[in-house]
Amino acid sequence: MSNQAVFEYVRNHPSGRVKIAVADIDGVLRGKYISSEKFLSVAQSNLGFCDVIFGWDMADVAYDNGTYTGWHSGYPDAKVQIDLNSFRKIPWENGTPFFLGEFIDAAGNPLAICPRQLLRKLIGRAANMGYSAQFSQEFEWFNFQETPESFAAKEGRNLTPLTPGMFGYSILRSSERNDFFAALFDQLKAFDIPLEGLHTETGPGVYEAAITYGEILSAADRAILFKTSVKEIGYPLGILATFMAKVNENLPGCSGHVHQSLWKDGVNVFHSDTDPHQMSETMQYYLAGQLHCLPEILPMVAPTINSYKRLVEGAWAPTTLTWGLDNRTVALRALTGGAKSCRLETRVVGSDTNPYLAMAACLAAGLYGIENKLPLQAATKGNGYRDESHGRLPKSLEAANQAMKESSIAKALFGETFVQHFTETRDWELRQFAKVVTDWETKRYFEII
């Protein structure tokens, strides 16, 4: 749709308002409604958005260790550019126009700590190397027969799952809540988030969805909007969705696997007809780059305390620095069946990630491997949990964040400004957890000690 057609739609929409949103560092969409008149006046320039977006955590608690903004700066407005190419009509809000924005600095340059701008930077790096990136993200998530109010009243305990039992790929369970299944398929498609597939996963009330692949920026937009849209679609049906990486220690965690390939002149450069595994040299370098960089950029694909409770043996999430051919026990799963479908699945990524940062991390690490022509280690056959010959992933956010903080590779890939800000926010997250007395501690120590 042309810009003129977009402006006409906004001008003529009966609601008289536009919804805009930006992504914070945790991948939480922050947004507001503005009048149609206001939108039309700023659509091709910029508007102000309080920079506290990058000065507080996901619970709206202000960082005390932030460099970019804080009480020391007075939390001024930052500038946001609206991306007219992100235009959508919200089907569950009577077609209200919707746009994504991204931050720029005072000089009009991309803001170094803006997640969407960081991904754009990496897209530019790929383009300079002659590549376009095709990506998609798939998500697993838990659904509960709850509302935000009932969740608060229960203090997050003893929640009622949408359906009982462990029943992956269940025709029965999908029929039982066909209202939700149908709403997800239909309304997400109408919101330009087309799904390739949707099914139940093993676990009470767990679903998995594969989003249709596309150009990487569009794929990241779809992924971040998917998470919010699922929640919004669920609300009127009395369904509360969560994308926590690990909801219960006795159940599998929730992945956010990223599928990726590089293309040049309409050809998938990951595929080779002559290689025994149908993997081109470019794909092998790309895989090697991710294996090399993952220990130093892990917080971008495992960003929370909870993320590391998913990355445990035997829970369908990787723990070792391994790759394999169609192997679901390794960190990187190569799927090389056809010239168009040949791709890499990065299985470390959890559903709790910021899609812009997860995809930026995957792309940057892969390009690093290509640029440096890194040799690829031998594929793991069989149980990847037992193959520690090339090392293990860091076991905690603290260890992973320290590695990223000290990493010259991370700074080269993403810039020192971004790495400083991002690792500061992870330090803050660690401190918030460290001071809390958990239920586990109370149950274990209260009476006995």
Protein backbone atom coordinates (compact mmCIF):
# COMPACT_ATOMS: atom_id res chain seq x y z
CA MET A 1 0.00 0.00 0.00
CA SER A 2 1.36 3.42 -0.94
CA ASN A 3 1.98 6.06 1.71
CA GLN A 4 -0.84 8.11 0.23
CA ALA A 5 -3.25 5.19 0.57
CA VAL A 6 -2.12 4.68 4.17
CA PHE A 7 -2.74 8.34 4.98
CA GLU A 8 -6.18 8.14 3.40
CA TYR A 9 -7.07 5.09 5.49
CA VAL A 10 -5.98 6.87 8.67
CA ARG A 11 -7.79 10.06 7.70
CA ASN A 12 -11.05 8.26 6.98
CA HIS A 13 -11.08 5.69 9.79
CA PRO A 14 -14.11 6.36 12.02
CA SER A 15 -12.20 5.88 15.28
CA GLY A 16 -10.15 9.02 14.67
CA ARG A 17 -7.12 7.43 16.34
CA VAL A 18 -3.97 5.47 15.57
CA LYS A 19 -2.14 2.95 17.74
CA ILE A 20 1.67 3.08 17.72
CA ALA A 21 4.18 0.89 19.55
CA VAL A 22 7.90 0.60 20.14
CA ALA A 23 9.95 -2.28 21.56
CA ASP A 24 11.88 -1.89 24.79
CA ILE A 25 15.06 -3.83 25.58
CA ASP A 26 13.09 -6.81 26.97
CA GLY A 27 10.93 -7.09 23.86
CA VAL A 28 7.89 -5.64 25.59
CA LEU A 29 5.82 -3.48 23.26
CA ARG A 30 5.19 -0.04 24.73
CA GLY A 31 2.63 2.07 22.95
CA LYS A 32 -0.13 4.61 22.94
CA TYR A 33 -3.01 5.96 20.91
CA ILE A 34 -2.66 9.28 19.16
CA SER A 35 -5.26 11.18 17.19
CA SER A 36 -5.39 10.79 13.44
CA GLU A 37 -4.51 14.46 13.09
CA LYS A 38 -1.44 14.06 15.30
CA PHE A 39 -0.32 11.01 13.35
CA LEU A 40 -0.64 12.76 10.00
CA SER A 41 1.44 15.66 11.31
CA VAL A 42 4.35 13.47 12.49
CA ALA A 43 4.17 10.49 10.13
CA GLN A 44 7.04 11.69 7.96
CA SER A 45 9.11 13.33 10.69
CA ASN A 46 9.18 12.11 14.31
CA LEU A 47 7.36 12.31 17.61
CA GLY A 48 8.45 12.40 21.22
CA PHE A 49 8.40 9.30 23.43
CA CYS A 50 9.70 9.39 27.00
CA ASP A 51 13.13 7.76 27.07
CA VAL A 52 12.20 5.92 30.28
CA ILE A 53 11.40 3.13 27.79
CA PHE A 54 15.13 2.37 28.08
CA GLY A 55 15.39 3.45 31.70
CA TRP A 56 13.22 0.91 33.48
CA ASP A 57 12.64 -2.83 33.56
CA MET A 58 9.62 -4.84 32.45
CA ALA A 59 7.93 -4.08 35.79
CA ASP A 60 8.38 -0.31 35.28
CA VAL A 61 11.01 -0.09 38.04
CA ALA A 62 13.67 2.50 37.19
CA TYR A 63 17.23 1.26 36.81
CA ASP A 64 19.74 2.78 39.20
CA ASN A 65 22.71 1.67 37.09
CA GLY A 66 21.73 2.94 33.66
CA THR A 67 24.05 5.15 31.61
CA TYR A 68 21.71 6.13 28.79
CA THR A 69 19.02 7.73 30.94
CA GLY A 70 17.89 7.95 34.55
CA TRP A 71 17.25 10.38 37.35
CA HIS A 72 20.58 11.96 36.37
CA SER A 73 19.18 12.96 32.96
CA GLY A 74 15.61 13.80 33.97
CA TYR A 75 14.04 11.27 31.59
CA PRO A 76 13.54 13.59 28.60
CA ASP A 77 11.68 12.68 25.44
CA ALA A 78 13.47 10.63 22.84
CA LYS A 79 12.63 10.81 19.14
CA VAL A 80 10.66 8.05 17.44
CA GLN A 81 10.29 7.59 13.72
CA ILE A 82 7.16 5.80 12.54
CA ASP A 83 7.80 3.08 9.97
CA LEU A 84 5.01 3.48 7.45
CA ASN A 85 5.87 0.06 6.00
CA SER A 86 4.75 -1.52 9.28
CA PHE A 87 1.13 -0.39 8.75
CA ARG A 88 -1.51 -2.87 9.87
CA LYS A 89 -5.21 -2.87 10.69
CA ILE A 90 -6.04 -4.32 14.09
CA PRO A 91 -8.86 -6.81 13.40
CA TRP A 92 -9.98 -7.05 17.06
CA GLU A 93 -10.21 -3.24 17.26
CA ASN A 94 -12.42 -2.66 14.22
CA GLY A 95 -9.51 -2.11 11.87
CA THR A 96 -7.83 0.61 13.93
CA PRO A 97 -4.61 1.60 12.12
CA PHE A 98 -1.40 0.40 13.78
CA PHE A 99 2.28 1.25 13.25
CA LEU A 100 5.63 0.34 14.74
CA GLY A 101 8.23 2.95 15.49
CA GLU A 102 11.96 3.01 16.17
CA PHE A 103 14.21 5.43 18.02
CA ILE A 104 16.63 7.96 16.59
CA ASP A 105 19.08 10.22 18.37
CA ALA A 106 19.11 14.02 18.47
CA ALA A 107 21.00 14.15 15.17
CA GLY A 108 18.48 11.88 13.46
CA ASN A 109 20.74 8.83 13.41
CA PRO A 110 19.61 5.37 14.58
CA LEU A 111 19.71 5.10 18.38
CA ALA A 112 22.39 2.55 19.23
CA ILE A 113 20.36 0.82 21.97
CA CYS A 114 17.08 0.57 20.03
CA PRO A 115 16.46 -3.15 19.32
CA ARG A 116 14.80 -2.57 15.95
CA GLN A 117 17.57 -0.24 14.86
CA LEU A 118 20.19 -2.77 15.92
CA LEU A 119 18.58 -5.36 13.66
CA ARG A 120 18.53 -2.84 10.81
CA LYS A 121 22.27 -2.33 11.33
CA LEU A 122 22.89 -6.05 10.94
CA ILE A 123 20.66 -6.19 7.87
CA GLY A 124 22.87 -3.50 6.36
CA ARG A 125 25.97 -5.52 7.17
CA ALA A 126 24.49 -8.55 5.42
CA ALA A 127 23.55 -6.43 2.40
CA ASN A 128 27.12 -5.11 2.17
CA MET A 129 28.24 -8.74 1.95
CA GLY A 130 25.71 -9.35 -0.83
CA TYR A 131 23.12 -11.25 1.23
CA SER A 132 19.48 -10.88 2.11
CA ALA A 133 18.27 -12.78 5.15
CA GLN A 134 15.08 -14.83 5.32
CA PHE A 135 14.03 -15.63 8.89
CA SER A 136 11.11 -16.85 10.95
CA GLN A 137 10.50 -17.59 14.59
CA GLU A 138 8.34 -20.28 16.11
CA PHE A 139 6.93 -20.09 19.63
CA GLU A 140 5.75 -22.44 22.33
CA TRP A 141 3.66 -20.96 25.12
CA PHE A 142 1.33 -21.87 28.00
CA ASN A 143 -2.34 -20.86 28.12
CA PHE A 144 -4.45 -20.65 31.27
CA GLN A 145 -8.14 -20.20 32.02
CA GLU A 146 -7.38 -17.00 33.87
CA THR A 147 -7.56 -13.25 33.56
CA PRO A 148 -5.02 -10.62 34.66
CA GLU A 149 -7.29 -10.02 37.66
CA SER A 150 -7.54 -13.69 38.68
CA PHE A 151 -3.79 -14.10 38.17
CA ALA A 152 -3.16 -11.20 40.55
CA ALA A 153 -5.70 -12.49 43.08
CA LYS A 154 -4.05 -15.93 43.07
CA GLU A 155 -0.57 -14.33 43.21
CA GLY A 156 0.37 -16.47 40.23
CA ARG A 157 -0.23 -19.77 42.06
CA ASN A 158 -2.52 -22.72 41.34
CA LEU A 159 -3.52 -21.44 37.93
CA THR A 160 -5.99 -23.46 35.83
CA PRO A 161 -4.44 -24.63 32.53
CA LEU A 162 -6.50 -24.21 29.39
CA THR A 163 -6.59 -27.99 28.95
CA PRO A 164 -5.32 -30.78 31.23
CA GLY A 165 -2.58 -33.32 30.75
CA MET A 166 0.34 -33.94 28.41
CA PHE A 167 -1.13 -34.15 24.92
CA GLY A 168 1.11 -32.92 22.11
CA TYR A 169 -0.24 -32.77 18.54
CA SER A 170 -3.71 -33.42 19.91
CA ILE A 171 -6.68 -33.26 17.59
CA LEU A 172 -8.97 -33.53 20.61
CA ARG A 173 -7.50 -30.59 22.50
CA SER A 174 -7.46 -28.34 19.44
CA SER A 175 -11.13 -29.17 18.85
CA GLU A 176 -11.98 -28.59 22.49
CA ARG A 177 -10.83 -24.96 22.23
CA ASN A 178 -11.46 -24.46 18.56
CA ASP A 179 -12.68 -20.95 19.30
CA PHE A 180 -9.15 -19.98 20.36
CA PHE A 181 -7.44 -21.94 17.56
CA ALA A 182 -9.66 -20.36 14.91
CA ALA A 183 -9.29 -16.87 16.36
CA LEU A 184 -5.51 -17.18 16.38
CA PHE A 185 -5.31 -18.38 12.78
CA ASP A 186 -7.85 -15.94 11.37
CA GLN A 187 -7.08 -12.77 13.32
CA LEU A 188 -3.32 -13.15 13.16
CA LYS A 189 -3.52 -13.57 9.38
CA ALA A 190 -5.68 -10.46 9.15
CA PHE A 191 -3.02 -8.65 11.21
CA ASP A 192 -0.29 -9.74 8.75
CA ILE A 193 1.11 -12.45 11.00
CA PRO A 194 0.39 -15.53 8.86
CA LEU A 195 0.98 -18.91 10.48
CA GLU A 196 2.37 -21.98 8.75
CA GLY A 197 1.13 -24.23 11.53
CA LEU A 198 -0.48 -24.32 14.96
CA HIS A 199 -0.77 -27.32 17.28
CA THR A 200 -0.79 -28.38 20.90
CA GLU A 201 2.58 -29.18 22.49
CA THR A 202 3.28 -31.56 25.32
CA GLY A 203 2.13 -29.96 28.55
CA PRO A 204 -1.16 -28.70 29.96
CA GLY A 205 -2.51 -25.90 27.79
CA VAL A 206 0.67 -25.58 25.71
CA TYR A 207 0.51 -24.47 22.07
CA GLU A 208 3.16 -24.11 19.39
CA ALA A 209 2.94 -21.85 16.35
CA ALA A 210 5.25 -21.49 13.36
CA ILE A 211 5.11 -18.04 11.77
CA THR A 212 5.52 -17.89 8.00
CA TYR A 213 9.08 -16.96 7.03
CA GLY A 214 10.02 -13.71 5.32
CA GLU A 215 12.55 -10.90 5.10
CA ILE A 216 14.24 -10.63 8.48
CA LEU A 217 12.90 -7.24 9.64
CA SER A 218 9.37 -8.26 8.70
CA ALA A 219 9.94 -11.59 10.45
CA ALA A 220 11.01 -9.86 13.66
CA ASP A 221 8.02 -7.50 13.48
CA ARG A 222 5.71 -10.47 13.07
CA ALA A 223 7.35 -12.29 15.98
CA ILE A 224 7.13 -9.45 18.48
CA LEU A 225 3.57 -8.64 17.42
CA PHE A 226 2.64 -12.34 17.63
CA LYS A 227 3.37 -12.47 21.34
CA THR A 228 1.28 -9.42 22.16
CA SER A 229 -1.49 -10.39 19.74
CA VAL A 230 -1.90 -13.86 21.27
CA LYS A 231 -2.49 -12.23 24.64
CA GLU A 232 -4.96 -9.70 23.21
CA ILE A 233 -6.89 -12.37 21.29
CA GLY A 234 -7.02 -14.51 24.42
CA TYR A 235 -8.38 -11.85 26.78
CA PRO A 236 -12.03 -11.83 25.60
CA LEU A 237 -12.02 -15.65 25.64
CA GLY A 238 -10.91 -15.75 29.29
CA ILE A 239 -7.46 -17.03 28.32
CA LEU A 240 -4.18 -15.76 29.76
CA ALA A 241 -1.07 -16.61 27.74
CA THR A 242 2.53 -16.58 28.92
CA PHE A 243 5.80 -16.81 27.01
CA MET A 244 7.98 -17.50 30.04
CA ALA A 245 10.81 -19.84 29.15
CA LYS A 246 10.05 -22.20 32.04
CA VAL A 247 6.67 -22.08 33.76
CA ASN A 248 7.06 -25.21 35.87
CA GLU A 249 10.16 -27.20 36.82
CA ASN A 250 8.31 -30.46 36.14
CA LEU A 251 7.33 -29.54 32.58
CA PRO A 252 9.29 -28.77 29.40
CA GLY A 253 10.16 -25.14 28.75
CA CYS A 254 8.99 -22.91 25.93
CA SER A 255 11.21 -22.35 22.91
CA GLY A 256 11.38 -19.53 20.41
CA HIS A 257 13.49 -21.28 17.77
CA VAL A 258 14.79 -19.04 14.98
CA HIS A 259 14.92 -20.42 11.42
CA GLN A 260 17.24 -18.65 9.01
CA SER A 261 18.83 -18.71 5.57
CA LEU A 262 20.80 -16.29 3.41
CA TRP A 263 19.91 -15.52 -0.19
CA LYS A 264 21.67 -13.87 -3.13
CA ASP A 265 20.00 -13.05 -6.45
CA GLY A 266 16.99 -15.17 -5.54
CA VAL A 267 19.10 -18.23 -4.68
CA ASN A 268 19.40 -19.82 -1.24
CA VAL A 269 23.17 -19.74 -0.67
CA PHE A 270 22.93 -22.25 2.19
CA HIS A 271 22.16 -25.09 -0.25
CA SER A 272 24.67 -27.11 -2.22
CA ASP A 273 23.96 -29.94 -4.65
CA THR A 274 27.54 -31.23 -4.43
CA ASP A 275 28.06 -31.41 -0.66
CA PRO A 276 27.18 -34.77 0.95
CA HIS A 277 24.94 -32.98 3.46
CA GLN A 278 23.68 -30.43 0.87
CA MET A 279 25.29 -27.66 2.93
CA SER A 280 27.23 -24.96 1.10
CA GLU A 281 30.53 -23.64 2.37
CA THR A 282 28.70 -20.42 3.25
CA MET A 283 26.25 -22.31 5.46
CA GLN A 284 29.10 -24.16 7.16
CA TYR A 285 30.88 -20.88 7.95
CA TYR A 286 27.58 -19.44 9.21
CA LEU A 287 27.03 -22.37 11.59
CA ALA A 288 30.61 -22.18 12.80
CA GLY A 289 30.15 -18.48 13.54
CA GLN A 290 27.14 -19.10 15.72
CA LEU A 291 28.87 -21.90 17.65
CA HIS A 292 31.89 -19.66 18.17
CA CYS A 293 29.94 -16.57 19.28
CA LEU A 294 27.08 -18.10 21.28
CA PRO A 295 28.88 -18.27 24.65
CA GLU A 296 29.66 -14.54 24.39
CA ILE A 297 26.25 -13.28 23.23
CA LEU A 298 23.97 -15.76 24.98
CA PRO A 299 21.95 -13.17 26.98
CA MET A 300 20.50 -11.91 23.69
CA VAL A 301 18.80 -15.29 23.14
CA ALA A 302 18.44 -16.26 26.83
CA PRO A 303 17.78 -12.90 28.53
CA THR A 304 16.20 -13.70 31.90
CA ILE A 305 16.91 -15.61 35.11
CA ASN A 306 14.15 -17.98 34.03
CA SER A 307 15.74 -18.64 30.61
CA TYR A 308 18.43 -20.86 32.11
CA LYS A 309 15.92 -23.12 33.83
CA ARG A 310 14.80 -24.11 30.33
CA LEU A 311 18.35 -24.89 29.12
CA VAL A 312 18.66 -28.18 31.01
CA GLU A 313 19.30 -31.73 29.90
CA GLY A 314 16.41 -33.80 28.62
CA ALA A 315 13.91 -30.95 28.37
CA TRP A 316 14.04 -30.39 24.58
CA ALA A 317 16.43 -27.45 24.93
CA PRO A 318 20.19 -27.57 24.24
CA THR A 319 23.01 -27.40 26.79
CA THR A 320 26.10 -27.99 24.64
CA LEU A 321 27.86 -26.18 21.79
CA THR A 322 26.83 -28.68 19.15
CA TRP A 323 25.19 -28.90 15.76
CA GLY A 324 23.62 -31.77 13.88
CA LEU A 325 21.57 -32.77 10.87
CA ASP A 326 17.88 -32.77 11.84
CA ASN A 327 18.84 -33.41 15.47
CA ARG A 328 16.67 -31.93 18.22
CA THR A 329 19.22 -32.43 21.02
CA VAL A 330 21.80 -29.95 19.73
CA ALA A 331 22.11 -26.16 19.77
CA LEU A 332 21.98 -25.77 15.99
CA ARG A 333 19.80 -28.03 13.85
CA ALA A 334 20.61 -28.05 10.14
CA LEU A 335 17.67 -28.78 7.84
CA THR A 336 19.07 -29.33 4.37
CA GLY A 337 16.34 -31.14 2.47
CA GLY A 338 15.81 -28.82 -0.48
CA ALA A 339 17.20 -25.85 -2.37
CA LYS A 340 14.47 -23.53 -1.10
CA SER A 341 13.94 -24.98 2.36
CA CYS A 342 17.61 -25.46 3.33
CA ARG A 343 18.01 -23.55 6.58
CA LEU A 344 19.42 -23.40 10.09
CA GLU A 345 17.30 -23.69 13.23
CA THR A 346 18.88 -22.09 16.29
CA ARG A 347 17.34 -24.02 19.16
CA VAL A 348 18.93 -22.12 22.04
CA VAL A 349 16.44 -19.27 21.64
CA GLY A 350 13.59 -19.21 24.16
CA SER A 351 10.09 -17.84 23.83
CA ASP A 352 10.96 -15.11 26.36
CA THR A 353 13.33 -13.35 23.98
CA ASN A 354 13.12 -9.97 22.30
CA PRO A 355 12.78 -11.11 18.64
CA TYR A 356 14.78 -8.14 17.32
CA LEU A 357 17.72 -9.02 19.56
CA ALA A 358 17.43 -12.79 19.03
CA MET A 359 17.47 -12.43 15.26
CA ALA A 360 20.23 -9.80 15.39
CA ALA A 361 22.33 -12.17 17.48
CA CYS A 362 21.81 -15.09 15.09
CA LEU A 363 22.55 -13.04 11.99
CA ALA A 364 25.57 -11.24 13.44
CA ALA A 365 27.18 -14.45 14.68
CA GLY A 366 26.57 -16.20 11.36
CA LEU A 367 28.05 -13.33 9.35
CA TYR A 368 31.05 -13.33 11.70
CA GLY A 369 31.67 -16.96 10.74
CA ILE A 370 31.44 -16.14 7.03
CA GLU A 371 33.73 -13.10 7.31
CA ASN A 372 36.36 -15.09 9.22
CA LYS A 373 35.85 -18.37 7.31
CA LEU A 374 35.61 -20.29 10.56
CA PRO A 375 35.94 -24.07 10.21
CA LEU A 376 32.90 -26.09 11.24
CA GLN A 377 33.34 -28.82 13.84
CA ALA A 378 32.04 -32.31 13.12
CA ALA A 379 28.30 -32.81 13.41
CA THR A 380 26.98 -34.46 16.54
CA LYS A 381 25.21 -37.74 15.93
CA GLY A 382 22.81 -39.00 18.54
CA ASN A 383 22.49 -37.42 21.98
CA GLY A 384 23.81 -33.85 21.94
CA TYR A 385 23.57 -33.60 25.72
CA ARG A 386 26.44 -36.10 25.95
CA ASP A 387 28.73 -34.30 23.48
CA GLU A 388 30.72 -31.78 25.51
CA SER A 389 33.78 -31.93 23.27
CA HIS A 390 33.35 -28.30 22.23
CA GLY A 391 32.03 -26.97 25.51
CA ARG A 392 28.74 -26.14 27.18
CA LEU A 393 26.53 -23.09 27.19
CA PRO A 394 26.83 -20.87 30.29
CA LYS A 395 24.51 -22.21 32.98
CA SER A 396 23.21 -18.92 34.40
CA LEU A 397 22.39 -15.38 33.36
CA GLU A 398 25.15 -14.15 35.67
CA ALA A 399 27.82 -16.22 33.92
CA ALA A 400 26.47 -15.43 30.46
CA ASN A 401 26.21 -11.70 31.12
CA GLN A 402 29.73 -11.52 32.51
CA ALA A 403 31.02 -13.22 29.38
CA MET A 404 29.16 -10.77 27.15
CA LYS A 405 30.35 -7.80 29.18
CA GLU A 406 33.97 -8.82 28.65
CA SER A 407 33.57 -9.93 25.04
CA SER A 408 35.43 -8.09 22.29
CA ILE A 409 33.38 -10.08 19.78
CA ALA A 410 30.07 -8.79 21.19
CA LYS A 411 31.32 -5.21 21.06
CA ALA A 412 32.51 -5.65 17.49
CA LEU A 413 29.19 -7.18 16.41
CA PHE A 414 26.78 -4.83 18.17
CA GLY A 415 28.77 -1.78 19.24
CA GLU A 416 30.11 -0.85 22.68
CA THR A 417 27.16 1.44 23.45
CA PHE A 418 24.62 -1.32 22.95
CA VAL A 419 26.64 -3.94 24.85
CA GLN A 420 27.13 -1.59 27.79
CA HIS A 421 23.44 -0.73 28.00
CA PHE A 422 22.20 -4.28 27.50
CA THR A 423 24.54 -5.85 30.05
CA GLU A 424 23.66 -3.12 32.54
CA THR A 425 20.02 -4.12 32.23
CA ARG A 426 20.92 -7.79 32.79
CA ASP A 427 22.96 -6.83 35.88
CA TRP A 428 19.86 -5.05 37.16
CA GLU A 429 17.74 -8.15 36.51
CA LEU A 430 20.19 -10.27 38.50
CA ARG A 431 20.09 -7.85 41.42
CA GLN A 432 16.30 -7.83 41.50
CA PHE A 433 16.23 -11.62 41.73
CA ALA A 434 19.03 -11.87 44.29
CA LYS A 435 17.19 -9.79 46.90
CA VAL A 436 13.89 -11.72 46.73
CA VAL A 437 12.99 -14.43 49.25
CA THR A 438 11.40 -17.17 47.14
CA ASP A 439 8.72 -19.73 47.97
CA TRP A 440 11.38 -22.44 47.65
CA GLU A 441 13.45 -20.86 50.42
CA THR A 442 10.46 -20.47 52.72
CA LYS A 443 9.28 -24.04 52.25
CA ARG A 444 12.79 -25.42 52.70
CA TYR A 445 14.07 -23.38 55.63
CA PHE A 446 11.18 -21.81 57.56
CA GLU A 447 10.35 -24.62 59.99
CA ILE A 448 13.46 -26.78 59.85
CA ILE A 449 16.19 -24.24 60.58
